[in-house]
Amino acid sequence: MIKLILGFLLFVFGILFGAYVGIWWAFIGGIILFIKAFQADPINATWIAYGIARVIFSGLLGWLSAVVCILPSLLLIAKGIDEL
């Protein structure tokens, strides 16, 4: 029973973690970094490139961070159902 509960909690955490990484850290953070790079006194080309890369790969980063938590949770749920 504990595996089933842990699996569901990890599944929900994976969805929330993927949304946080994909939307807030990568997409919005990339846009903020891009804007701050242009506002810097000497314009920093590295920050611009890093900000653009974060925005471009935000979907992929969100999916990967979600999958890292969701796949083990599915295994825990399957083992929890087998024990019932």
C-alpha atoms as a PDB file:
ATOM      1  CA  MET A   1       0.000   0.000   0.000  1.00  0.00           C
ATOM      2  CA  ILE A   2       2.879   2.364   0.791  1.00  0.00           C
ATOM      3  CA  LYS A   3       4.328   1.826  -2.701  1.00  0.00           C
ATOM      4  CA  LEU A   4       1.038   2.844  -4.248  1.00  0.00           C
ATOM      5  CA  ILE A   5       0.823   6.052  -2.221  1.00  0.00           C
ATOM      6  CA  LEU A   6       4.483   6.862  -2.840  1.00  0.00           C
ATOM      7  CA  GLY A   7       4.001   6.230  -6.553  1.00  0.00           C
ATOM      8  CA  PHE A   8       1.073   8.638  -6.767  1.00  0.00           C
ATOM      9  CA  LEU A   9       2.942  11.296  -4.792  1.00  0.00           C
ATOM     10  CA  LEU A  10       6.002  10.926  -7.013  1.00  0.00           C
ATOM     11  CA  PHE A  11       3.790  11.121 -10.103  1.00  0.00           C
ATOM     12  CA  VAL A  12       2.233  14.402  -8.962  1.00  0.00           C
ATOM     13  CA  PHE A  13       5.680  15.720  -7.999  1.00  0.00           C
ATOM     14  CA  GLY A  14       6.986  14.809 -11.473  1.00  0.00           C
ATOM     15  CA  ILE A  15       4.229  16.772 -13.179  1.00  0.00           C
ATOM     16  CA  LEU A  16       4.775  19.798 -10.944  1.00  0.00           C
ATOM     17  CA  PHE A  17       8.561  19.588 -11.258  1.00  0.00           C
ATOM     18  CA  GLY A  18       8.370  19.322 -15.056  1.00  0.00           C
ATOM     19  CA  ALA A  19       6.049  22.325 -15.226  1.00  0.00           C
ATOM     20  CA  TYR A  20       8.348  24.340 -12.957  1.00  0.00           C
ATOM     21  CA  VAL A  21      11.500  23.531 -14.917  1.00  0.00           C
ATOM     22  CA  GLY A  22       9.925  23.910 -18.343  1.00  0.00           C
ATOM     23  CA  ILE A  23       7.821  26.995 -17.752  1.00  0.00           C
ATOM     24  CA  TRP A  24       9.411  28.993 -14.950  1.00  0.00           C
ATOM     25  CA  TRP A  25      13.125  28.148 -14.945  1.00  0.00           C
ATOM     26  CA  ALA A  26      13.722  27.585 -18.666  1.00  0.00           C
ATOM     27  CA  PHE A  27      11.136  29.662 -20.538  1.00  0.00           C
ATOM     28  CA  ILE A  28      10.538  32.668 -18.286  1.00  0.00           C
ATOM     29  CA  GLY A  29      14.058  32.548 -16.823  1.00  0.00           C
ATOM     30  CA  GLY A  30      15.523  32.423 -20.325  1.00  0.00           C
ATOM     31  CA  ILE A  31      13.562  35.492 -21.376  1.00  0.00           C
ATOM     32  CA  ILE A  32      14.628  37.360 -18.221  1.00  0.00           C
ATOM     33  CA  LEU A  33      18.273  36.390 -18.795  1.00  0.00           C
ATOM     34  CA  PHE A  34      18.023  37.529 -22.429  1.00  0.00           C
ATOM     35  CA  ILE A  35      16.646  40.932 -21.376  1.00  0.00           C
ATOM     36  CA  LYS A  36      19.243  41.373 -18.604  1.00  0.00           C
ATOM     37  CA  ALA A  37      22.033  40.568 -21.081  1.00  0.00           C
ATOM     38  CA  PHE A  38      20.945  43.468 -23.305  1.00  0.00           C
ATOM     39  CA  GLN A  39      20.632  45.814 -20.318  1.00  0.00           C
ATOM     40  CA  ALA A  40      24.173  45.097 -19.101  1.00  0.00           C
ATOM     41  CA  ASP A  41      26.713  47.867 -19.696  1.00  0.00           C
ATOM     42  CA  PRO A  42      28.920  45.758 -21.930  1.00  0.00           C
ATOM     43  CA  ILE A  43      26.416  43.527 -23.727  1.00  0.00           C
ATOM     44  CA  ASN A  44      27.174  39.941 -22.780  1.00  0.00           C
ATOM     45  CA  ALA A  45      26.874  37.643 -25.800  1.00  0.00           C
ATOM     46  CA  THR A  46      27.216  34.516 -23.662  1.00  0.00           C
ATOM     47  CA  TRP A  47      24.172  35.427 -21.580  1.00  0.00           C
ATOM     48  CA  ILE A  48      22.193  36.174 -24.748  1.00  0.00           C
ATOM     49  CA  ALA A  49      23.060  32.768 -26.223  1.00  0.00           C
ATOM     50  CA  TYR A  50      22.343  31.002 -22.926  1.00  0.00           C
ATOM     51  CA  GLY A  51      18.970  32.776 -22.613  1.00  0.00           C
ATOM     52  CA  ILE A  52      17.996  31.861 -26.169  1.00  0.00           C
ATOM     53  CA  ALA A  53      19.052  28.235 -25.620  1.00  0.00           C
ATOM     54  CA  ARG A  54      16.975  28.031 -22.429  1.00  0.00           C
ATOM     55  CA  VAL A  55      13.893  29.316 -24.259  1.00  0.00           C
ATOM     56  CA  ILE A  56      14.399  27.008 -27.220  1.00  0.00           C
ATOM     57  CA  PHE A  57      14.921  23.886 -25.099  1.00  0.00           C
ATOM     58  CA  SER A  58      12.350  24.716 -22.408  1.00  0.00           C
ATOM     59  CA  GLY A  59       9.876  22.093 -23.628  1.00  0.00           C
ATOM     60  CA  LEU A  60      12.521  19.390 -23.782  1.00  0.00           C
ATOM     61  CA  LEU A  61      13.867  20.290 -20.330  1.00  0.00           C
ATOM     62  CA  GLY A  62      10.349  20.228 -18.891  1.00  0.00           C
ATOM     63  CA  TRP A  63       9.576  16.831 -20.374  1.00  0.00           C
ATOM     64  CA  LEU A  64      12.887  15.304 -19.304  1.00  0.00           C
ATOM     65  CA  SER A  65      12.598  16.523 -15.734  1.00  0.00           C
ATOM     66  CA  ALA A  66       9.041  15.196 -15.549  1.00  0.00           C
ATOM     67  CA  VAL A  67       9.974  11.816 -17.009  1.00  0.00           C
ATOM     68  CA  VAL A  68      12.776  11.393 -14.444  1.00  0.00           C
ATOM     69  CA  CYS A  69      10.118  11.343 -11.709  1.00  0.00           C
ATOM     70  CA  ILE A  70       7.184   9.822 -13.576  1.00  0.00           C
ATOM     71  CA  LEU A  71       8.857   6.607 -14.790  1.00  0.00           C
ATOM     72  CA  PRO A  72       9.901   5.428 -11.313  1.00  0.00           C
ATOM     73  CA  SER A  73       6.465   6.395 -10.007  1.00  0.00           C
ATOM     74  CA  LEU A  74       4.798   4.172 -12.590  1.00  0.00           C
ATOM     75  CA  LEU A  75       6.986   1.279 -11.491  1.00  0.00           C
ATOM     76  CA  LEU A  76       6.055   1.894  -7.849  1.00  0.00           C
ATOM     77  CA  ILE A  77       2.366   2.058  -8.747  1.00  0.00           C
ATOM     78  CA  ALA A  78       2.591  -1.201 -10.711  1.00  0.00           C
ATOM     79  CA  LYS A  79       4.367  -2.955  -7.821  1.00  0.00           C
ATOM     80  CA  GLY A  80       1.859  -1.513  -5.360  1.00  0.00           C
ATOM     81  CA  ILE A  81      -1.066  -2.827  -7.391  1.00  0.00           C
ATOM     82  CA  ASP A  82       0.581  -6.280  -7.610  1.00  0.00           C
ATOM     83  CA  GLU A  83       0.845  -6.432  -3.812  1.00  0.00           C
ATOM     84  CA  LEU A  84      -2.863  -5.732  -3.338  1.00  0.00           C
END
